[in-house]
Amino acid sequence: MTIPGLIAPGALARAAVAPVGLRVIGLDLSLTSTGVCLPDGSTFRIKTRSKDGDRRLLQIRTAVRTAVCEHEPDVAVVEDLPKHAMAAGLTAKVHGVVLCELLDAGVPYAYVVPATLKSYACDHGNADKERMAAAAYLAAGAEFADDKGGDQCDAWWLRAAGHDALGAPLFSMPQAQRDRLTKVTWPADLLQNSPKGQTS
């Protein structure tokens, strides 16, 4: 059944692909500034205004829907909710609408907690935004315009983590940092079709 105005469930579902063709979208979700890294590596922010209240959820949902429709990712890597944080309730609203979009589109997803992402990127679970940005520059020459809060940088690292964990790394990384990604539950179908899954 198709609901008017929504993507039909599974309409964009893609078969598990070989890692060489892996398309990953990174999502650093926030009610005020969501960072997005598209499968081609480009980044942007979904900025909202606090005066719009919960209607900001509609803006985020529409932007994510558009990105998923246009770029057809095989997997989404999402930064997990902050634990014991005052803003977790607000961020959870965003997670709800975004996960509905991913489920409707048939896009599998994985959650990466902030400490694991920072340990993967910087070998330090408490790395700040500046250190994350410096690590992205050192790894691949990546720079992020208009990214004071580091949202685009985090989304970029989420995409990189997905590629790395699923056997299609974008650049070299120390093995100890790659091993941090084993804490993440990755989509089983994609993991089985990765070189790591085939040799395990």
N, C-alpha and C. Protein backbone atom coordinates (compact mmCIF):
# COMPACT_ATOMS: atom_id res chain seq x y z
N MET A 1 0.85 -1.19 0.00
CA MET A 1 0.00 0.00 0.00
C MET A 1 0.88 1.24 0.00
N THR A 2 0.56 2.19 -0.86
CA THR A 2 1.31 3.44 -0.93
C THR A 2 0.51 4.55 -0.29
N ILE A 3 1.11 5.27 0.64
CA ILE A 3 0.46 6.40 1.28
C ILE A 3 0.83 7.65 0.50
N PRO A 4 -0.15 8.43 0.07
CA PRO A 4 0.16 9.63 -0.71
C PRO A 4 1.20 10.51 -0.01
N GLY A 5 2.17 10.93 -0.79
CA GLY A 5 3.19 11.82 -0.26
C GLY A 5 4.37 11.11 0.38
N LEU A 6 4.28 9.77 0.49
CA LEU A 6 5.37 9.00 1.08
C LEU A 6 5.94 8.04 0.05
N ILE A 7 7.18 7.65 0.26
CA ILE A 7 7.77 6.62 -0.57
C ILE A 7 7.11 5.30 -0.21
N ALA A 8 6.73 4.51 -1.20
CA ALA A 8 6.15 3.20 -0.93
C ALA A 8 7.17 2.34 -0.21
N PRO A 9 6.76 1.59 0.83
CA PRO A 9 7.70 0.74 1.54
C PRO A 9 8.47 -0.17 0.59
N GLY A 10 9.79 -0.10 0.68
CA GLY A 10 10.64 -0.94 -0.15
C GLY A 10 10.80 -0.46 -1.58
N ALA A 11 10.24 0.70 -1.92
CA ALA A 11 10.29 1.14 -3.32
C ALA A 11 11.71 1.34 -3.80
N LEU A 12 12.60 1.76 -2.91
CA LEU A 12 13.98 1.99 -3.32
C LEU A 12 14.91 0.90 -2.81
N ALA A 13 14.32 -0.20 -2.34
CA ALA A 13 15.17 -1.26 -1.79
C ALA A 13 16.13 -1.75 -2.86
N ARG A 14 17.40 -1.94 -2.46
CA ARG A 14 18.43 -2.39 -3.37
C ARG A 14 18.98 -3.71 -2.86
N ALA A 15 19.33 -4.58 -3.77
CA ALA A 15 19.97 -5.83 -3.36
C ALA A 15 21.32 -5.52 -2.75
N ALA A 16 21.80 -6.44 -1.90
CA ALA A 16 23.13 -6.25 -1.33
C ALA A 16 24.14 -6.19 -2.47
N VAL A 17 25.04 -5.23 -2.40
CA VAL A 17 25.96 -5.02 -3.50
C VAL A 17 27.37 -5.40 -3.09
N ALA A 18 28.21 -5.61 -4.09
CA ALA A 18 29.61 -5.85 -3.83
C ALA A 18 30.23 -4.59 -3.26
N PRO A 19 31.19 -4.72 -2.36
CA PRO A 19 31.78 -3.54 -1.74
C PRO A 19 32.30 -2.52 -2.74
N VAL A 20 32.76 -2.98 -3.90
CA VAL A 20 33.30 -2.04 -4.87
C VAL A 20 32.25 -1.02 -5.30
N GLY A 21 30.98 -1.39 -5.24
CA GLY A 21 29.91 -0.48 -5.62
C GLY A 21 29.16 0.09 -4.44
N LEU A 22 29.73 -0.06 -3.25
CA LEU A 22 29.04 0.34 -2.03
C LEU A 22 28.74 1.83 -2.02
N ARG A 23 27.48 2.16 -1.68
CA ARG A 23 27.05 3.55 -1.59
C ARG A 23 26.57 3.79 -0.17
N VAL A 24 27.30 4.63 0.55
CA VAL A 24 27.04 4.86 1.97
C VAL A 24 26.66 6.32 2.19
N ILE A 25 25.61 6.55 2.99
CA ILE A 25 25.25 7.90 3.41
C ILE A 25 25.50 8.00 4.92
N GLY A 26 26.15 9.07 5.34
CA GLY A 26 26.41 9.30 6.75
C GLY A 26 25.46 10.36 7.28
N LEU A 27 24.87 10.11 8.45
CA LEU A 27 23.88 11.02 9.02
C LEU A 27 24.19 11.32 10.48
N ASP A 28 24.53 12.58 10.75
CA ASP A 28 24.74 13.05 12.12
C ASP A 28 23.51 13.87 12.49
N LEU A 29 22.55 13.24 13.13
CA LEU A 29 21.23 13.81 13.31
C LEU A 29 21.15 14.80 14.46
N SER A 30 20.45 15.90 14.20
CA SER A 30 20.25 16.94 15.21
C SER A 30 19.03 17.74 14.80
N LEU A 31 18.30 18.25 15.78
CA LEU A 31 17.11 19.04 15.48
C LEU A 31 17.48 20.41 14.91
N THR A 32 18.64 20.92 15.26
CA THR A 32 19.03 22.25 14.78
C THR A 32 19.97 22.22 13.58
N SER A 33 20.84 21.21 13.49
CA SER A 33 21.80 21.15 12.40
C SER A 33 22.21 19.71 12.16
N THR A 34 21.57 19.06 11.18
CA THR A 34 21.88 17.69 10.83
C THR A 34 22.97 17.67 9.77
N GLY A 35 24.03 16.92 10.03
CA GLY A 35 25.09 16.76 9.05
C GLY A 35 24.81 15.57 8.15
N VAL A 36 25.04 15.74 6.85
CA VAL A 36 24.80 14.68 5.87
C VAL A 36 26.05 14.54 5.00
N CYS A 37 26.49 13.31 4.82
CA CYS A 37 27.55 13.02 3.85
C CYS A 37 26.96 12.06 2.82
N LEU A 38 26.89 12.51 1.59
CA LEU A 38 26.30 11.73 0.50
C LEU A 38 27.26 10.64 0.02
N PRO A 39 26.76 9.66 -0.72
CA PRO A 39 27.63 8.58 -1.20
C PRO A 39 28.81 9.06 -2.04
N ASP A 40 28.73 10.24 -2.63
CA ASP A 40 29.86 10.74 -3.41
C ASP A 40 30.89 11.47 -2.55
N GLY A 41 30.64 11.56 -1.24
CA GLY A 41 31.59 12.19 -0.34
C GLY A 41 31.32 13.66 -0.06
N SER A 42 30.37 14.26 -0.78
CA SER A 42 30.04 15.67 -0.51
C SER A 42 29.19 15.76 0.75
N THR A 43 29.28 16.91 1.43
CA THR A 43 28.58 17.08 2.68
C THR A 43 27.75 18.36 2.68
N PHE A 44 26.72 18.37 3.52
CA PHE A 44 25.92 19.57 3.73
C PHE A 44 25.22 19.47 5.07
N ARG A 45 24.64 20.59 5.50
CA ARG A 45 23.89 20.62 6.75
C ARG A 45 22.42 20.90 6.46
N ILE A 46 21.54 20.28 7.23
CA ILE A 46 20.12 20.61 7.21
C ILE A 46 19.91 21.52 8.42
N LYS A 47 19.85 22.81 8.17
CA LYS A 47 19.73 23.79 9.26
C LYS A 47 18.26 24.15 9.47
N THR A 48 17.86 24.23 10.73
CA THR A 48 16.48 24.58 11.05
C THR A 48 16.47 25.73 12.05
N ARG A 49 15.29 26.34 12.20
CA ARG A 49 15.13 27.47 13.13
C ARG A 49 14.31 27.02 14.33
N SER A 50 14.79 27.36 15.52
CA SER A 50 14.11 26.93 16.74
C SER A 50 12.68 27.46 16.80
N LYS A 51 12.42 28.63 16.22
CA LYS A 51 11.08 29.20 16.28
C LYS A 51 10.05 28.37 15.51
N ASP A 52 10.51 27.46 14.65
CA ASP A 52 9.59 26.60 13.90
C ASP A 52 9.15 25.39 14.69
N GLY A 53 9.70 25.20 15.90
CA GLY A 53 9.25 24.11 16.76
C GLY A 53 9.36 22.74 16.11
N ASP A 54 8.36 21.91 16.34
CA ASP A 54 8.39 20.54 15.82
C ASP A 54 8.25 20.48 14.31
N ARG A 55 7.86 21.57 13.68
CA ARG A 55 7.78 21.56 12.21
C ARG A 55 9.16 21.40 11.59
N ARG A 56 10.20 21.58 12.38
CA ARG A 56 11.56 21.33 11.90
C ARG A 56 11.73 19.87 11.49
N LEU A 57 10.97 18.98 12.14
CA LEU A 57 11.04 17.56 11.80
C LEU A 57 10.62 17.32 10.36
N LEU A 58 9.65 18.09 9.88
CA LEU A 58 9.20 17.94 8.50
C LEU A 58 10.30 18.37 7.53
N GLN A 59 11.01 19.44 7.88
CA GLN A 59 12.11 19.91 7.02
C GLN A 59 13.22 18.86 6.94
N ILE A 60 13.56 18.28 8.09
CA ILE A 60 14.61 17.26 8.10
C ILE A 60 14.16 16.03 7.34
N ARG A 61 12.92 15.61 7.57
CA ARG A 61 12.40 14.43 6.87
C ARG A 61 12.43 14.62 5.37
N THR A 62 12.00 15.78 4.90
CA THR A 62 11.97 16.04 3.46
C THR A 62 13.37 16.04 2.87
N ALA A 63 14.33 16.66 3.57
CA ALA A 63 15.70 16.71 3.07
C ALA A 63 16.33 15.32 3.01
N VAL A 64 16.09 14.50 4.03
CA VAL A 64 16.63 13.15 4.02
C VAL A 64 15.95 12.32 2.93
N ARG A 65 14.64 12.47 2.78
CA ARG A 65 13.93 11.75 1.73
C ARG A 65 14.50 12.09 0.36
N THR A 66 14.74 13.36 0.13
CA THR A 66 15.30 13.79 -1.16
C THR A 66 16.68 13.19 -1.39
N ALA A 67 17.52 13.21 -0.37
CA ALA A 67 18.87 12.66 -0.50
C ALA A 67 18.82 11.16 -0.78
N VAL A 68 17.93 10.45 -0.10
CA VAL A 68 17.82 9.00 -0.30
C VAL A 68 17.29 8.69 -1.71
N CYS A 69 16.29 9.43 -2.15
CA CYS A 69 15.73 9.21 -3.49
C CYS A 69 16.74 9.49 -4.59
N GLU A 70 17.49 10.58 -4.44
CA GLU A 70 18.42 10.99 -5.49
C GLU A 70 19.69 10.16 -5.51
N HIS A 71 20.15 9.72 -4.34
CA HIS A 71 21.47 9.07 -4.28
C HIS A 71 21.42 7.58 -4.01
N GLU A 72 20.25 7.03 -3.70
CA GLU A 72 20.04 5.60 -3.56
C GLU A 72 21.15 4.88 -2.80
N PRO A 73 21.36 5.23 -1.54
CA PRO A 73 22.41 4.56 -0.77
C PRO A 73 22.08 3.10 -0.50
N ASP A 74 23.13 2.29 -0.38
CA ASP A 74 22.97 0.88 -0.01
C ASP A 74 22.84 0.73 1.49
N VAL A 75 23.40 1.68 2.22
CA VAL A 75 23.37 1.62 3.68
C VAL A 75 23.52 3.04 4.23
N ALA A 76 22.88 3.28 5.37
CA ALA A 76 23.04 4.55 6.08
C ALA A 76 23.78 4.27 7.39
N VAL A 77 24.73 5.13 7.73
CA VAL A 77 25.44 5.02 8.99
C VAL A 77 25.05 6.24 9.81
N VAL A 78 24.44 6.00 10.95
CA VAL A 78 23.81 7.05 11.75
C VAL A 78 24.52 7.16 13.10
N GLU A 79 24.85 8.38 13.51
CA GLU A 79 25.41 8.54 14.85
C GLU A 79 24.33 8.28 15.88
N ASP A 80 24.64 7.44 16.84
CA ASP A 80 23.66 7.02 17.83
C ASP A 80 23.31 8.17 18.78
N LEU A 81 22.20 8.01 19.49
CA LEU A 81 21.77 9.01 20.46
C LEU A 81 22.80 9.15 21.57
N PRO A 82 23.02 10.37 22.03
CA PRO A 82 23.94 10.55 23.16
C PRO A 82 23.32 9.98 24.42
N LYS A 83 24.09 9.23 25.15
CA LYS A 83 23.57 8.61 26.37
C LYS A 83 23.68 9.60 27.54
N HIS A 84 22.66 9.65 28.35
CA HIS A 84 22.63 10.50 29.54
C HIS A 84 22.83 11.98 29.20
N ALA A 85 22.33 12.40 28.03
CA ALA A 85 22.49 13.81 27.63
C ALA A 85 21.13 14.49 27.68
N MET A 86 21.10 15.74 28.08
CA MET A 86 19.84 16.48 28.20
C MET A 86 19.12 16.60 26.86
N ALA A 87 19.89 16.64 25.76
CA ALA A 87 19.27 16.83 24.44
C ALA A 87 18.82 15.52 23.80
N ALA A 88 19.01 14.40 24.47
CA ALA A 88 18.70 13.12 23.85
C ALA A 88 17.24 13.01 23.43
N GLY A 89 16.33 13.56 24.24
CA GLY A 89 14.91 13.50 23.90
C GLY A 89 14.60 14.24 22.61
N LEU A 90 15.18 15.41 22.43
CA LEU A 90 14.96 16.18 21.21
C LEU A 90 15.55 15.46 20.00
N THR A 91 16.75 14.93 20.17
CA THR A 91 17.40 14.22 19.07
C THR A 91 16.64 12.96 18.71
N ALA A 92 16.01 12.33 19.70
CA ALA A 92 15.25 11.11 19.44
C ALA A 92 14.09 11.37 18.48
N LYS A 93 13.49 12.56 18.54
CA LYS A 93 12.43 12.90 17.59
C LYS A 93 12.95 12.85 16.17
N VAL A 94 14.15 13.38 15.97
CA VAL A 94 14.74 13.39 14.63
C VAL A 94 15.03 11.96 14.18
N HIS A 95 15.57 11.16 15.09
CA HIS A 95 15.86 9.76 14.75
C HIS A 95 14.58 9.05 14.30
N GLY A 96 13.49 9.32 14.96
CA GLY A 96 12.23 8.66 14.59
C GLY A 96 11.81 8.94 13.16
N VAL A 97 11.81 10.21 12.78
CA VAL A 97 11.34 10.53 11.42
C VAL A 97 12.34 10.05 10.37
N VAL A 98 13.63 10.13 10.68
CA VAL A 98 14.65 9.70 9.71
C VAL A 98 14.62 8.18 9.54
N LEU A 99 14.48 7.44 10.62
CA LEU A 99 14.42 5.99 10.50
C LEU A 99 13.20 5.54 9.73
N CYS A 100 12.09 6.25 9.87
CA CYS A 100 10.90 5.94 9.06
C CYS A 100 11.21 6.09 7.57
N GLU A 101 11.93 7.14 7.22
CA GLU A 101 12.31 7.33 5.81
C GLU A 101 13.21 6.21 5.32
N LEU A 102 14.19 5.83 6.13
CA LEU A 102 15.09 4.75 5.72
C LEU A 102 14.35 3.43 5.59
N LEU A 103 13.46 3.16 6.53
CA LEU A 103 12.68 1.91 6.47
C LEU A 103 11.76 1.90 5.26
N ASP A 104 11.08 3.02 5.00
CA ASP A 104 10.20 3.09 3.83
C ASP A 104 10.97 2.88 2.53
N ALA A 105 12.20 3.37 2.48
CA ALA A 105 13.01 3.27 1.27
C ALA A 105 13.77 1.95 1.19
N GLY A 106 13.69 1.14 2.24
CA GLY A 106 14.40 -0.14 2.22
C GLY A 106 15.90 0.01 2.36
N VAL A 107 16.35 1.08 3.00
CA VAL A 107 17.78 1.30 3.19
C VAL A 107 18.20 0.78 4.57
N PRO A 108 19.04 -0.25 4.63
CA PRO A 108 19.50 -0.74 5.93
C PRO A 108 20.39 0.31 6.60
N TYR A 109 20.47 0.24 7.92
CA TYR A 109 21.25 1.26 8.63
C TYR A 109 22.00 0.64 9.81
N ALA A 110 23.03 1.35 10.23
CA ALA A 110 23.81 0.96 11.40
C ALA A 110 23.98 2.18 12.28
N TYR A 111 23.98 1.95 13.59
CA TYR A 111 24.20 3.02 14.56
C TYR A 111 25.64 2.95 15.06
N VAL A 112 26.28 4.10 15.13
CA VAL A 112 27.63 4.19 15.69
C VAL A 112 27.59 5.20 16.83
N VAL A 113 27.97 4.77 18.04
CA VAL A 113 27.97 5.71 19.17
C VAL A 113 29.11 6.71 18.98
N PRO A 114 28.95 7.93 19.50
CA PRO A 114 29.98 8.97 19.30
C PRO A 114 31.38 8.55 19.72
N ALA A 115 31.50 7.86 20.86
CA ALA A 115 32.84 7.48 21.33
C ALA A 115 33.52 6.52 20.36
N THR A 116 32.75 5.60 19.77
CA THR A 116 33.32 4.66 18.80
C THR A 116 33.76 5.39 17.54
N LEU A 117 32.94 6.34 17.08
CA LEU A 117 33.30 7.10 15.88
C LEU A 117 34.58 7.90 16.11
N LYS A 118 34.68 8.53 17.28
CA LYS A 118 35.87 9.33 17.59
C LYS A 118 37.10 8.45 17.75
N SER A 119 36.92 7.27 18.33
CA SER A 119 38.05 6.34 18.48
C SER A 119 38.52 5.84 17.12
N TYR A 120 37.58 5.60 16.22
CA TYR A 120 37.93 5.17 14.86
C TYR A 120 38.68 6.29 14.13
N ALA A 121 38.17 7.50 14.22
CA ALA A 121 38.76 8.61 13.47
C ALA A 121 40.07 9.11 14.07
N CYS A 122 40.13 9.18 15.41
CA CYS A 122 41.24 9.87 16.08
C CYS A 122 41.98 9.04 17.11
N ASP A 123 41.55 7.78 17.32
CA ASP A 123 42.14 6.95 18.36
C ASP A 123 41.96 7.59 19.73
N HIS A 124 40.85 8.31 19.89
CA HIS A 124 40.57 8.98 21.17
C HIS A 124 39.06 9.16 21.29
N GLY A 125 38.45 8.49 22.26
CA GLY A 125 37.00 8.51 22.39
C GLY A 125 36.40 9.84 22.79
N ASN A 126 37.24 10.78 23.23
CA ASN A 126 36.75 12.11 23.60
C ASN A 126 37.27 13.21 22.68
N ALA A 127 37.66 12.84 21.47
CA ALA A 127 38.19 13.82 20.53
C ALA A 127 37.18 14.94 20.28
N ASP A 128 37.67 16.18 20.23
CA ASP A 128 36.77 17.31 19.99
C ASP A 128 36.60 17.55 18.49
N LYS A 129 35.78 18.54 18.14
CA LYS A 129 35.46 18.81 16.74
C LYS A 129 36.71 19.17 15.93
N GLU A 130 37.60 19.94 16.54
CA GLU A 130 38.81 20.36 15.83
C GLU A 130 39.69 19.15 15.50
N ARG A 131 39.79 18.24 16.45
CA ARG A 131 40.62 17.05 16.22
C ARG A 131 39.99 16.15 15.15
N MET A 132 38.68 16.03 15.15
CA MET A 132 38.00 15.24 14.13
C MET A 132 38.23 15.84 12.74
N ALA A 133 38.14 17.16 12.64
CA ALA A 133 38.36 17.83 11.35
C ALA A 133 39.80 17.66 10.89
N ALA A 134 40.74 17.78 11.82
CA ALA A 134 42.15 17.61 11.46
C ALA A 134 42.42 16.19 10.98
N ALA A 135 41.78 15.20 11.61
CA ALA A 135 41.96 13.81 11.20
C ALA A 135 41.40 13.57 9.80
N ALA A 136 40.27 14.20 9.48
CA ALA A 136 39.69 14.06 8.14
C ALA A 136 40.62 14.66 7.08
N TYR A 137 41.23 15.78 7.43
CA TYR A 137 42.16 16.42 6.50
C TYR A 137 43.39 15.55 6.28
N LEU A 138 43.92 14.98 7.36
CA LEU A 138 45.09 14.13 7.25
C LEU A 138 44.78 12.84 6.49
N ALA A 139 43.59 12.30 6.69
CA ALA A 139 43.23 11.03 6.06
C ALA A 139 42.97 11.18 4.57
N ALA A 140 42.30 12.28 4.18
CA ALA A 140 41.87 12.38 2.78
C ALA A 140 41.86 13.81 2.24
N GLY A 141 42.43 14.75 2.97
CA GLY A 141 42.42 16.13 2.50
C GLY A 141 41.05 16.77 2.55
N ALA A 142 40.14 16.19 3.35
CA ALA A 142 38.76 16.69 3.42
C ALA A 142 38.68 17.95 4.27
N GLU A 143 37.91 18.92 3.78
CA GLU A 143 37.64 20.15 4.53
C GLU A 143 36.15 20.43 4.44
N PHE A 144 35.62 21.14 5.43
CA PHE A 144 34.18 21.34 5.54
C PHE A 144 33.87 22.81 5.76
N ALA A 145 33.20 23.42 4.81
CA ALA A 145 32.82 24.82 4.93
C ALA A 145 31.58 24.95 5.80
N ASP A 146 31.48 26.06 6.53
CA ASP A 146 30.28 26.33 7.34
C ASP A 146 29.96 25.15 8.26
N ASP A 147 30.95 24.72 9.03
CA ASP A 147 30.76 23.53 9.86
C ASP A 147 31.25 23.78 11.28
N LYS A 148 30.79 24.88 11.88
CA LYS A 148 31.25 25.27 13.21
C LYS A 148 30.99 24.16 14.24
N GLY A 149 29.85 23.49 14.14
CA GLY A 149 29.53 22.44 15.10
C GLY A 149 30.10 21.08 14.78
N GLY A 150 30.75 20.95 13.63
CA GLY A 150 31.35 19.67 13.24
C GLY A 150 30.37 18.64 12.72
N ASP A 151 29.15 19.07 12.36
CA ASP A 151 28.13 18.11 11.93
C ASP A 151 28.48 17.44 10.60
N GLN A 152 28.99 18.22 9.65
CA GLN A 152 29.37 17.65 8.36
C GLN A 152 30.57 16.72 8.51
N CYS A 153 31.52 17.12 9.36
CA CYS A 153 32.69 16.29 9.59
C CYS A 153 32.29 14.95 10.19
N ASP A 154 31.41 14.96 11.17
CA ASP A 154 30.97 13.71 11.78
C ASP A 154 30.26 12.83 10.76
N ALA A 155 29.42 13.44 9.92
CA ALA A 155 28.72 12.66 8.88
C ALA A 155 29.73 12.05 7.91
N TRP A 156 30.77 12.81 7.59
CA TRP A 156 31.82 12.32 6.69
C TRP A 156 32.51 11.10 7.30
N TRP A 157 32.82 11.17 8.59
CA TRP A 157 33.46 10.04 9.26
C TRP A 157 32.51 8.84 9.36
N LEU A 158 31.21 9.09 9.52
CA LEU A 158 30.24 7.99 9.55
C LEU A 158 30.24 7.24 8.22
N ARG A 159 30.26 8.00 7.13
CA ARG A 159 30.33 7.35 5.80
C ARG A 159 31.62 6.55 5.67
N ALA A 160 32.74 7.14 6.09
CA ALA A 160 34.03 6.43 6.01
C ALA A 160 34.01 5.15 6.83
N ALA A 161 33.39 5.22 8.01
CA ALA A 161 33.31 4.04 8.88
C ALA A 161 32.52 2.92 8.20
N GLY A 162 31.43 3.27 7.53
CA GLY A 162 30.65 2.27 6.82
C GLY A 162 31.45 1.59 5.73
N HIS A 163 32.16 2.40 4.94
CA HIS A 163 33.00 1.82 3.89
C HIS A 163 34.06 0.89 4.48
N ASP A 164 34.68 1.34 5.54
CA ASP A 164 35.76 0.57 6.16
C ASP A 164 35.24 -0.75 6.70
N ALA A 165 34.17 -0.70 7.48
CA ALA A 165 33.65 -1.91 8.12
C ALA A 165 33.11 -2.91 7.12
N LEU A 166 32.62 -2.42 5.98
CA LEU A 166 32.01 -3.31 4.99
C LEU A 166 32.96 -3.68 3.86
N GLY A 167 34.25 -3.44 4.08
CA GLY A 167 35.26 -3.98 3.16
C GLY A 167 35.61 -3.12 1.97
N ALA A 168 35.23 -1.84 1.99
CA ALA A 168 35.57 -0.95 0.89
C ALA A 168 36.15 0.35 1.44
N PRO A 169 37.29 0.26 2.14
CA PRO A 169 37.84 1.45 2.79
C PRO A 169 38.20 2.55 1.80
N LEU A 170 38.02 3.79 2.24
CA LEU A 170 38.28 4.94 1.37
C LEU A 170 39.73 5.41 1.47
N PHE A 171 40.41 5.02 2.54
CA PHE A 171 41.80 5.42 2.75
C PHE A 171 42.39 4.50 3.81
N SER A 172 43.70 4.55 3.97
CA SER A 172 44.36 3.69 4.95
C SER A 172 44.14 4.23 6.35
N MET A 173 44.03 3.30 7.29
CA MET A 173 43.85 3.63 8.71
C MET A 173 44.62 2.61 9.54
N PRO A 174 45.11 2.99 10.71
CA PRO A 174 45.73 2.00 11.58
C PRO A 174 44.73 0.90 11.94
N GLN A 175 45.20 -0.34 11.97
CA GLN A 175 44.30 -1.46 12.23
C GLN A 175 43.63 -1.33 13.59
N ALA A 176 44.33 -0.81 14.56
CA ALA A 176 43.74 -0.67 15.90
C ALA A 176 42.52 0.24 15.86
N GLN A 177 42.55 1.27 15.02
CA GLN A 177 41.39 2.15 14.91
C GLN A 177 40.27 1.48 14.12
N ARG A 178 40.63 0.73 13.09
CA ARG A 178 39.61 -0.02 12.34
C ARG A 178 38.89 -1.01 13.24
N ASP A 179 39.64 -1.61 14.15
CA ASP A 179 39.05 -2.63 15.03
C ASP A 179 37.96 -2.05 15.93
N ARG A 180 37.96 -0.74 16.14
CA ARG A 180 36.90 -0.13 16.97
C ARG A 180 35.53 -0.34 16.35
N LEU A 181 35.49 -0.50 15.03
CA LEU A 181 34.21 -0.64 14.33
C LEU A 181 33.57 -2.01 14.52
N THR A 182 34.29 -2.95 15.12
CA THR A 182 33.70 -4.26 15.37
C THR A 182 32.63 -4.19 16.47
N LYS A 183 32.60 -3.08 17.20
CA LYS A 183 31.57 -2.90 18.23
C LYS A 183 30.20 -2.58 17.64
N VAL A 184 30.19 -2.22 16.36
CA VAL A 184 28.96 -1.79 15.69
C VAL A 184 28.25 -3.00 15.10
N THR A 185 26.92 -3.00 15.16
CA THR A 185 26.12 -4.03 14.50
C THR A 185 25.82 -3.55 13.08
N TRP A 186 26.49 -4.16 12.11
CA TRP A 186 26.33 -3.76 10.70
C TRP A 186 25.26 -4.62 10.04
N PRO A 187 24.60 -4.11 8.99
CA PRO A 187 23.56 -4.91 8.31
C PRO A 187 24.12 -6.25 7.83
N ALA A 188 23.49 -7.33 8.24
CA ALA A 188 24.03 -8.67 8.01
C ALA A 188 24.24 -8.97 6.53
N ASP A 189 23.27 -8.62 5.67
CA ASP A 189 23.38 -8.95 4.25
C ASP A 189 24.60 -8.29 3.62
N LEU A 190 24.83 -7.02 3.93
CA LEU A 190 25.98 -6.32 3.38
C LEU A 190 27.28 -6.85 3.95
N LEU A 191 27.28 -7.16 5.24
CA LEU A 191 28.49 -7.68 5.87
C LEU A 191 28.88 -9.02 5.27
N GLN A 192 27.89 -9.87 4.99
CA GLN A 192 28.18 -11.18 4.41
C GLN A 192 28.76 -11.07 3.00
N ASN A 193 28.38 -10.00 2.28
CA ASN A 193 28.87 -9.83 0.92
C ASN A 193 30.16 -9.01 0.84
N SER A 194 30.67 -8.61 1.99
CA SER A 194 31.95 -7.89 2.00
C SER A 194 33.08 -8.89 2.05
N PRO A 195 34.29 -8.50 1.65
CA PRO A 195 35.43 -9.41 1.74
C PRO A 195 35.64 -9.93 3.16
N LYS A 196 35.37 -9.09 4.17
CA LYS A 196 35.52 -9.52 5.56
C LYS A 196 34.54 -10.64 5.86
N GLY A 197 33.29 -10.47 5.42
CA GLY A 197 32.27 -11.47 5.70
C GLY A 197 32.53 -12.76 4.97
N GLN A 198 33.10 -12.69 3.76
CA GLN A 198 33.34 -13.89 2.96
C GLN A 198 34.51 -14.69 3.48
N THR A 199 35.43 -14.03 4.21
CA THR A 199 36.60 -14.75 4.69
C THR A 199 36.45 -15.18 6.14
N SER A 200 35.36 -14.74 6.81
CA SER A 200 35.20 -15.11 8.22
C SER A 200 34.41 -16.39 8.36
